[in-house]
């Protein structure tokens, strides 16, 4: 699944309890980039590599993206060892 819009991005960040600077650091992108990406109501307009870095950082933090009829996010189930 993939990150598709600003609302989904804001929701993912909120679920993790991350502020914009923390996401910016985790994804290795400028904080202004995070702010701009979150401002999109529809599809995020960004370089593919930048969007992928943000998505990967959130997934490493424990987010799972849902892209059914209605895009959403949820926390991934903890891995049992």
PDB file of N, CA and C in Angstrom:
ATOM      1  N   UNK A   1       0.844  -1.168   0.000  1.00  0.00           N
ATOM      2  CA  UNK A   1       0.000   0.000   0.000  1.00  0.00           C
ATOM      3  C   UNK A   1       0.892   1.235   0.000  1.00  0.00           C
ATOM      4  N   UNK A   2       0.292   2.374  -0.333  1.00  0.00           N
ATOM      5  CA  UNK A   2       1.129   3.560  -0.400  1.00  0.00           C
ATOM      6  C   UNK A   2       0.454   4.787   0.176  1.00  0.00           C
ATOM      7  N   UNK A   3       1.304   5.710   0.573  1.00  0.00           N
ATOM      8  CA  UNK A   3       0.873   7.010   1.048  1.00  0.00           C
ATOM      9  C   UNK A   3       0.315   7.778  -0.134  1.00  0.00           C
ATOM     10  N   UNK A   4      -0.908   8.328   0.000  1.00  0.00           N
ATOM     11  CA  UNK A   4      -1.505   8.952  -1.173  1.00  0.00           C
ATOM     12  C   UNK A   4      -1.945  10.399  -1.009  1.00  0.00           C
ATOM     13  N   UNK A   5      -2.263  10.855   0.225  1.00  0.00           N
ATOM     14  CA  UNK A   5      -2.724  12.236   0.341  1.00  0.00           C
ATOM     15  C   UNK A   5      -2.296  12.861   1.666  1.00  0.00           C
ATOM     16  N   UNK A   6      -2.461  14.169   1.764  1.00  0.00           N
ATOM     17  CA  UNK A   6      -2.020  14.904   2.938  1.00  0.00           C
ATOM     18  C   UNK A   6      -2.722  14.490   4.213  1.00  0.00           C
ATOM     19  N   UNK A   7      -4.013  14.189   4.127  1.00  0.00           N
ATOM     20  CA  UNK A   7      -4.748  13.745   5.315  1.00  0.00           C
ATOM     21  C   UNK A   7      -4.190  12.432   5.846  1.00  0.00           C
ATOM     22  N   UNK A   8      -3.886  11.539   4.943  1.00  0.00           N
ATOM     23  CA  UNK A   8      -3.332  10.246   5.318  1.00  0.00           C
ATOM     24  C   UNK A   8      -1.969  10.451   6.000  1.00  0.00           C
ATOM     25  N   UNK A   9      -1.170  11.353   5.477  1.00  0.00           N
ATOM     26  CA  UNK A   9       0.129  11.659   6.053  1.00  0.00           C
ATOM     27  C   UNK A   9      -0.023  12.247   7.462  1.00  0.00           C
ATOM     28  N   UNK A  10      -0.921  13.211   7.628  1.00  0.00           N
ATOM     29  CA  UNK A  10      -1.150  13.820   8.942  1.00  0.00           C
ATOM     30  C   UNK A  10      -1.644  12.779   9.947  1.00  0.00           C
ATOM     31  N   UNK A  11      -2.534  11.893   9.496  1.00  0.00           N
ATOM     32  CA  UNK A  11      -3.072  10.851  10.380  1.00  0.00           C
ATOM     33  C   UNK A  11      -1.972   9.880  10.816  1.00  0.00           C
ATOM     34  N   UNK A  12      -1.118   9.499   9.886  1.00  0.00           N
ATOM     35  CA  UNK A  12      -0.027   8.575  10.207  1.00  0.00           C
ATOM     36  C   UNK A  12       0.903   9.190  11.240  1.00  0.00           C
ATOM     37  N   UNK A  13       1.244  10.436  11.043  1.00  0.00           N
ATOM     38  CA  UNK A  13       2.134  11.129  11.968  1.00  0.00           C
ATOM     39  C   UNK A  13       1.480  11.238  13.348  1.00  0.00           C
ATOM     40  N   UNK A  14       0.192  11.547  13.375  1.00  0.00           N
ATOM     41  CA  UNK A  14      -0.528  11.671  14.641  1.00  0.00           C
ATOM     42  C   UNK A  14      -0.589  10.332  15.389  1.00  0.00           C
ATOM     43  N   UNK A  15      -0.816   9.236  14.671  1.00  0.00           N
ATOM     44  CA  UNK A  15      -0.858   7.915  15.310  1.00  0.00           C
ATOM     45  C   UNK A  15       0.459   7.575  16.005  1.00  0.00           C
ATOM     46  N   UNK A  16       1.551   8.012  15.412  1.00  0.00           N
ATOM     47  CA  UNK A  16       2.863   7.747  16.002  1.00  0.00           C
ATOM     48  C   UNK A  16       3.228   8.750  17.087  1.00  0.00           C
ATOM     49  N   UNK A  17       2.479   9.863  17.141  1.00  0.00           N
ATOM     50  CA  UNK A  17       2.804  10.907  18.108  1.00  0.00           C
ATOM     51  C   UNK A  17       4.025  11.713  17.707  1.00  0.00           C
ATOM     52  N   UNK A  18       4.311  11.731  16.406  1.00  0.00           N
ATOM     53  CA  UNK A  18       5.470  12.459  15.884  1.00  0.00           C
ATOM     54  C   UNK A  18       5.071  13.871  15.495  1.00  0.00           C
ATOM     55  N   UNK A  19       5.955  14.830  15.751  1.00  0.00           N
ATOM     56  CA  UNK A  19       5.748  16.170  15.225  1.00  0.00           C
ATOM     57  C   UNK A  19       6.437  16.259  13.860  1.00  0.00           C
ATOM     58  N   UNK A  20       6.224  17.363  13.181  1.00  0.00           N
ATOM     59  CA  UNK A  20       6.813  17.512  11.843  1.00  0.00           C
ATOM     60  C   UNK A  20       8.332  17.439  11.848  1.00  0.00           C
ATOM     61  N   UNK A  21       9.020  18.067  12.809  1.00  0.00           N
ATOM     62  CA  UNK A  21      10.484  17.947  12.820  1.00  0.00           C
ATOM     63  C   UNK A  21      10.972  16.501  12.969  1.00  0.00           C
ATOM     64  N   UNK A  22      10.264  15.703  13.766  1.00  0.00           N
ATOM     65  CA  UNK A  22      10.681  14.310  13.943  1.00  0.00           C
ATOM     66  C   UNK A  22      10.532  13.527  12.636  1.00  0.00           C
ATOM     67  N   UNK A  23       9.417  13.713  11.937  1.00  0.00           N
ATOM     68  CA  UNK A  23       9.233  13.042  10.650  1.00  0.00           C
ATOM     69  C   UNK A  23      10.271  13.518   9.650  1.00  0.00           C
ATOM     70  N   UNK A  24      10.515  14.816   9.640  1.00  0.00           N
ATOM     71  CA  UNK A  24      11.505  15.389   8.733  1.00  0.00           C
ATOM     72  C   UNK A  24      12.876  14.727   8.935  1.00  0.00           C
ATOM     73  N   UNK A  25      13.273  14.580  10.181  1.00  0.00           N
ATOM     74  CA  UNK A  25      14.563  13.963  10.498  1.00  0.00           C
ATOM     75  C   UNK A  25      14.577  12.485  10.124  1.00  0.00           C
ATOM     76  N   UNK A  26      13.500  11.771  10.465  1.00  0.00           N
ATOM     77  CA  UNK A  26      13.435  10.331  10.176  1.00  0.00           C
ATOM     78  C   UNK A  26      13.471  10.058   8.678  1.00  0.00           C
ATOM     79  N   UNK A  27      12.825  10.922   7.889  1.00  0.00           N
ATOM     80  CA  UNK A  27      12.754  10.727   6.439  1.00  0.00           C
ATOM     81  C   UNK A  27      13.911  11.385   5.699  1.00  0.00           C
ATOM     82  N   UNK A  28      14.694  12.200   6.416  1.00  0.00           N
ATOM     83  CA  UNK A  28      15.819  12.930   5.812  1.00  0.00           C
ATOM     84  C   UNK A  28      15.336  13.841   4.678  1.00  0.00           C
ATOM     85  N   UNK A  29      14.259  14.597   4.990  1.00  0.00           N
ATOM     86  CA  UNK A  29      13.743  15.610   4.066  1.00  0.00           C
ATOM     87  C   UNK A  29      13.577  16.907   4.849  1.00  0.00           C
ATOM     88  N   UNK A  30      13.533  18.025   4.155  1.00  0.00           N
ATOM     89  CA  UNK A  30      13.371  19.325   4.799  1.00  0.00           C
ATOM     90  C   UNK A  30      12.008  19.424   5.472  1.00  0.00           C
ATOM     91  N   UNK A  31      11.953  20.133   6.593  1.00  0.00           N
ATOM     92  CA  UNK A  31      10.686  20.289   7.305  1.00  0.00           C
ATOM     93  C   UNK A  31       9.653  20.993   6.430  1.00  0.00           C
ATOM     94  N   UNK A  32      10.096  21.920   5.592  1.00  0.00           N
ATOM     95  CA  UNK A  32       9.187  22.592   4.666  1.00  0.00           C
ATOM     96  C   UNK A  32       8.539  21.609   3.702  1.00  0.00           C
ATOM     97  N   UNK A  33       9.260  20.578   3.355  1.00  0.00           N
ATOM     98  CA  UNK A  33       8.721  19.538   2.477  1.00  0.00           C
ATOM     99  C   UNK A  33       7.597  18.792   3.179  1.00  0.00           C
ATOM    100  N   UNK A  34       7.799  18.450   4.445  1.00  0.00           N
ATOM    101  CA  UNK A  34       6.756  17.769   5.215  1.00  0.00           C
ATOM    102  C   UNK A  34       5.520  18.662   5.307  1.00  0.00           C
ATOM    103  N   UNK A  35       5.725  19.930   5.624  1.00  0.00           N
ATOM    104  CA  UNK A  35       4.593  20.864   5.731  1.00  0.00           C
ATOM    105  C   UNK A  35       3.820  20.944   4.414  1.00  0.00           C
ATOM    106  N   UNK A  36       4.556  21.042   3.317  1.00  0.00           N
ATOM    107  CA  UNK A  36       3.919  21.154   2.005  1.00  0.00           C
ATOM    108  C   UNK A  36       3.151  19.880   1.671  1.00  0.00           C
ATOM    109  N   UNK A  37       3.744  18.731   1.941  1.00  0.00           N
ATOM    110  CA  UNK A  37       3.086  17.462   1.646  1.00  0.00           C
ATOM    111  C   UNK A  37       1.795  17.322   2.458  1.00  0.00           C
ATOM    112  N   UNK A  38       1.829  17.755   3.705  1.00  0.00           N
ATOM    113  CA  UNK A  38       0.643  17.658   4.552  1.00  0.00           C
ATOM    114  C   UNK A  38      -0.455  18.626   4.135  1.00  0.00           C
ATOM    115  N   UNK A  39      -0.110  19.650   3.386  1.00  0.00           N
ATOM    116  CA  UNK A  39      -1.105  20.650   2.982  1.00  0.00           C
ATOM    117  C   UNK A  39      -2.003  20.176   1.841  1.00  0.00           C
ATOM    118  N   UNK A  40      -1.616  19.115   1.150  1.00  0.00           N
ATOM    119  CA  UNK A  40      -2.408  18.621   0.023  1.00  0.00           C
ATOM    120  C   UNK A  40      -3.658  17.902   0.514  1.00  0.00           C
ATOM    121  N   UNK A  41      -4.815  18.288  -0.006  1.00  0.00           N
ATOM    122  CA  UNK A  41      -6.060  17.582   0.305  1.00  0.00           C
ATOM    123  C   UNK A  41      -6.208  16.362  -0.598  1.00  0.00           C
ATOM    124  N   UNK A  42      -5.758  16.468  -1.820  1.00  0.00           N
ATOM    125  CA  UNK A  42      -5.793  15.351  -2.761  1.00  0.00           C
ATOM    126  C   UNK A  42      -4.439  14.664  -2.795  1.00  0.00           C
ATOM    127  N   UNK A  43      -4.103  14.134  -3.954  1.00  0.00           N
ATOM    128  CA  UNK A  43      -2.836  13.438  -4.127  1.00  0.00           C
ATOM    129  C   UNK A  43      -1.661  14.365  -3.834  1.00  0.00           C
ATOM    130  N   UNK A  44      -0.664  13.824  -3.151  1.00  0.00           N
ATOM    131  CA  UNK A  44       0.532  14.601  -2.824  1.00  0.00           C
ATOM    132  C   UNK A  44       1.359  14.783  -4.088  1.00  0.00           C
ATOM    133  N   UNK A  45       1.683  16.034  -4.387  1.00  0.00           N
ATOM    134  CA  UNK A  45       2.518  16.365  -5.534  1.00  0.00           C
ATOM    135  C   UNK A  45       3.954  16.476  -5.030  1.00  0.00           C
ATOM    136  N   UNK A  46       4.773  15.491  -5.324  1.00  0.00           N
ATOM    137  CA  UNK A  46       6.142  15.466  -4.832  1.00  0.00           C
ATOM    138  C   UNK A  46       6.974  14.553  -5.716  1.00  0.00           C
ATOM    139  N   UNK A  47       8.287  14.716  -5.610  1.00  0.00           N
ATOM    140  CA  UNK A  47       9.167  13.778  -6.303  1.00  0.00           C
ATOM    141  C   UNK A  47       8.934  12.391  -5.719  1.00  0.00           C
ATOM    142  N   UNK A  48       8.948  11.397  -6.536  1.00  0.00           N
ATOM    143  CA  UNK A  48       8.687  10.026  -6.102  1.00  0.00           C
ATOM    144  C   UNK A  48       9.646   9.596  -4.998  1.00  0.00           C
ATOM    145  N   UNK A  49      10.917   9.936  -5.133  1.00  0.00           N
ATOM    146  CA  UNK A  49      11.907   9.555  -4.128  1.00  0.00           C
ATOM    147  C   UNK A  49      11.637  10.191  -2.778  1.00  0.00           C
ATOM    148  N   UNK A  50      11.201  11.440  -2.781  1.00  0.00           N
ATOM    149  CA  UNK A  50      10.903  12.150  -1.539  1.00  0.00           C
ATOM    150  C   UNK A  50       9.698  11.517  -0.860  1.00  0.00           C
ATOM    151  N   UNK A  51       8.654  11.259  -1.610  1.00  0.00           N
ATOM    152  CA  UNK A  51       7.457  10.630  -1.072  1.00  0.00           C
ATOM    153  C   UNK A  51       7.784   9.248  -0.504  1.00  0.00           C
ATOM    154  N   UNK A  52       8.624   8.510  -1.190  1.00  0.00           N
ATOM    155  CA  UNK A  52       9.017   7.182  -0.742  1.00  0.00           C
ATOM    156  C   UNK A  52       9.796   7.253   0.572  1.00  0.00           C
ATOM    157  N   UNK A  53      10.677   8.251   0.732  1.00  0.00           N
ATOM    158  CA  UNK A  53      11.428   8.395   1.980  1.00  0.00           C
ATOM    159  C   UNK A  53      10.491   8.662   3.158  1.00  0.00           C
ATOM    160  N   UNK A  54       9.485   9.511   2.936  1.00  0.00           N
ATOM    161  CA  UNK A  54       8.527   9.827   3.992  1.00  0.00           C
ATOM    162  C   UNK A  54       7.698   8.584   4.328  1.00  0.00           C
ATOM    163  N   UNK A  55       7.209   7.901   3.317  1.00  0.00           N
ATOM    164  CA  UNK A  55       6.421   6.693   3.537  1.00  0.00           C
ATOM    165  C   UNK A  55       7.240   5.645   4.281  1.00  0.00           C
ATOM    166  N   UNK A  56       8.472   5.424   3.876  1.00  0.00           N
ATOM    167  CA  UNK A  56       9.335   4.425   4.504  1.00  0.00           C
ATOM    168  C   UNK A  56       9.598   4.757   5.967  1.00  0.00           C
ATOM    169  N   UNK A  57       9.832   6.034   6.268  1.00  0.00           N
ATOM    170  CA  UNK A  57      10.065   6.444   7.661  1.00  0.00           C
ATOM    171  C   UNK A  57       8.842   6.132   8.526  1.00  0.00           C
ATOM    172  N   UNK A  58       7.662   6.430   8.006  1.00  0.00           N
ATOM    173  CA  UNK A  58       6.436   6.161   8.755  1.00  0.00           C
ATOM    174  C   UNK A  58       6.206   4.658   8.931  1.00  0.00           C
ATOM    175  N   UNK A  59       6.478   3.888   7.899  1.00  0.00           N
ATOM    176  CA  UNK A  59       6.321   2.433   7.992  1.00  0.00           C
ATOM    177  C   UNK A  59       7.304   1.845   8.996  1.00  0.00           C
ATOM    178  N   UNK A  60       8.537   2.339   9.022  1.00  0.00           N
ATOM    179  CA  UNK A  60       9.507   1.867  10.009  1.00  0.00           C
ATOM    180  C   UNK A  60       9.059   2.232  11.422  1.00  0.00           C
ATOM    181  N   UNK A  61       8.314   3.325  11.539  1.00  0.00           N
ATOM    182  CA  UNK A  61       7.777   3.736  12.828  1.00  0.00           C
ATOM    183  C   UNK A  61       6.604   2.886  13.289  1.00  0.00           C
ATOM    184  N   UNK A  62       6.022   2.097  12.379  1.00  0.00           N
ATOM    185  CA  UNK A  62       4.930   1.200  12.758  1.00  0.00           C
ATOM    186  C   UNK A  62       3.611   1.458  12.057  1.00  0.00           C
ATOM    187  N   UNK A  63       3.617   2.267  11.012  1.00  0.00           N
ATOM    188  CA  UNK A  63       2.394   2.596  10.278  1.00  0.00           C
ATOM    189  C   UNK A  63       2.171   1.623   9.128  1.00  0.00           C
ATOM    190  N   UNK A  64       0.919   1.282   8.916  1.00  0.00           N
ATOM    191  CA  UNK A  64       0.503   0.505   7.740  1.00  0.00           C
ATOM    192  C   UNK A  64      -0.495   1.367   6.969  1.00  0.00           C
ATOM    193  N   UNK A  65      -0.236   1.566   5.687  1.00  0.00           N
ATOM    194  CA  UNK A  65      -1.127   2.369   4.852  1.00  0.00           C
ATOM    195  C   UNK A  65      -2.194   1.496   4.235  1.00  0.00           C
ATOM    196  N   UNK A  66      -3.427   2.014   4.217  1.00  0.00           N
ATOM    197  CA  UNK A  66      -4.573   1.313   3.643  1.00  0.00           C
ATOM    198  C   UNK A  66      -5.037   2.089   2.421  1.00  0.00           C
ATOM    199  N   UNK A  67      -5.235   1.415   1.317  1.00  0.00           N
ATOM    200  CA  UNK A  67      -5.652   2.083   0.090  1.00  0.00           C
ATOM    201  C   UNK A  67      -6.817   1.362  -0.563  1.00  0.00           C
ATOM    202  N   UNK A  68      -7.818   1.045   0.222  1.00  0.00           N
ATOM    203  CA  UNK A  68      -9.010   0.408  -0.347  1.00  0.00           C
ATOM    204  C   UNK A  68      -9.819   1.495  -1.065  1.00  0.00           C
ATOM    205  N   UNK A  69     -11.097   1.442  -0.897  1.00  0.00           N
ATOM    206  CA  UNK A  69     -11.986   2.473  -1.449  1.00  0.00           C
ATOM    207  C   UNK A  69     -11.724   3.811  -0.766  1.00  0.00           C
ATOM    208  N   UNK A  70     -11.308   3.732   0.513  1.00  0.00           N
ATOM    209  CA  UNK A  70     -11.050   4.930   1.306  1.00  0.00           C
ATOM    210  C   UNK A  70      -9.663   4.820   1.921  1.00  0.00           C
ATOM    211  N   UNK A  71      -8.691   5.581   1.427  1.00  0.00           N
ATOM    212  CA  UNK A  71      -7.339   5.501   1.981  1.00  0.00           C
ATOM    213  C   UNK A  71      -7.326   5.826   3.474  1.00  0.00           C
ATOM    214  N   UNK A  72      -6.491   5.128   4.212  1.00  0.00           N
ATOM    215  CA  UNK A  72      -6.371   5.362   5.636  1.00  0.00           C
ATOM    216  C   UNK A  72      -5.047   4.840   6.160  1.00  0.00           C
ATOM    217  N   UNK A  73      -4.917   4.834   7.479  1.00  0.00           N
ATOM    218  CA  UNK A  73      -3.707   4.342   8.127  1.00  0.00           C
ATOM    219  C   UNK A  73      -4.092   3.590   9.391  1.00  0.00           C
ATOM    220  N   UNK A  74      -3.215   2.712   9.835  1.00  0.00           N
ATOM    221  CA  UNK A  74      -3.380   2.053  11.122  1.00  0.00           C
ATOM    222  C   UNK A  74      -1.997   1.659  11.624  1.00  0.00           C
ATOM    223  N   UNK A  75      -1.939   1.421  12.931  1.00  0.00           N
ATOM    224  CA  UNK A  75      -0.698   0.929  13.498  1.00  0.00           C
ATOM    225  C   UNK A  75      -0.575  -0.547  13.165  1.00  0.00           C
ATOM    226  N   UNK A  76       0.598  -0.933  12.753  1.00  0.00           N
ATOM    227  CA  UNK A  76       0.874  -2.335  12.443  1.00  0.00           C
ATOM    228  C   UNK A  76       0.868  -3.141  13.736  1.00  0.00           C
ATOM    229  N   UNK A  77       0.430  -4.356  13.663  1.00  0.00           N
ATOM    230  CA  UNK A  77       0.457  -5.243  14.828  1.00  0.00           C
ATOM    231  C   UNK A  77       1.908  -5.488  15.207  1.00  0.00           C
ATOM    232  N   UNK A  78       2.219  -5.522  16.498  1.00  0.00           N
ATOM    233  CA  UNK A  78       3.600  -5.806  16.921  1.00  0.00           C
ATOM    234  C   UNK A  78       4.032  -7.175  16.411  1.00  0.00           C
ATOM    235  N   UNK A  79       5.305  -7.282  16.079  1.00  0.00           N
ATOM    236  CA  UNK A  79       5.875  -8.542  15.610  1.00  0.00           C
ATOM    237  C   UNK A  79       6.141  -9.424  16.814  1.00  0.00           C
ATOM    238  N   UNK A  80       5.597 -10.645  16.802  1.00  0.00           N
ATOM    239  CA  UNK A  80       5.824 -11.585  17.907  1.00  0.00           C
ATOM    240  C   UNK A  80       7.125 -12.329  17.661  1.00  0.00           C
ATOM    241  N   UNK A  81       7.883 -12.463  18.724  1.00  0.00           N
ATOM    242  CA  UNK A  81       9.185 -13.144  18.580  1.00  0.00           C
ATOM    243  C   UNK A  81       9.191 -14.424  19.331  1.00  0.00           C
TER     244      UNK A  81
END
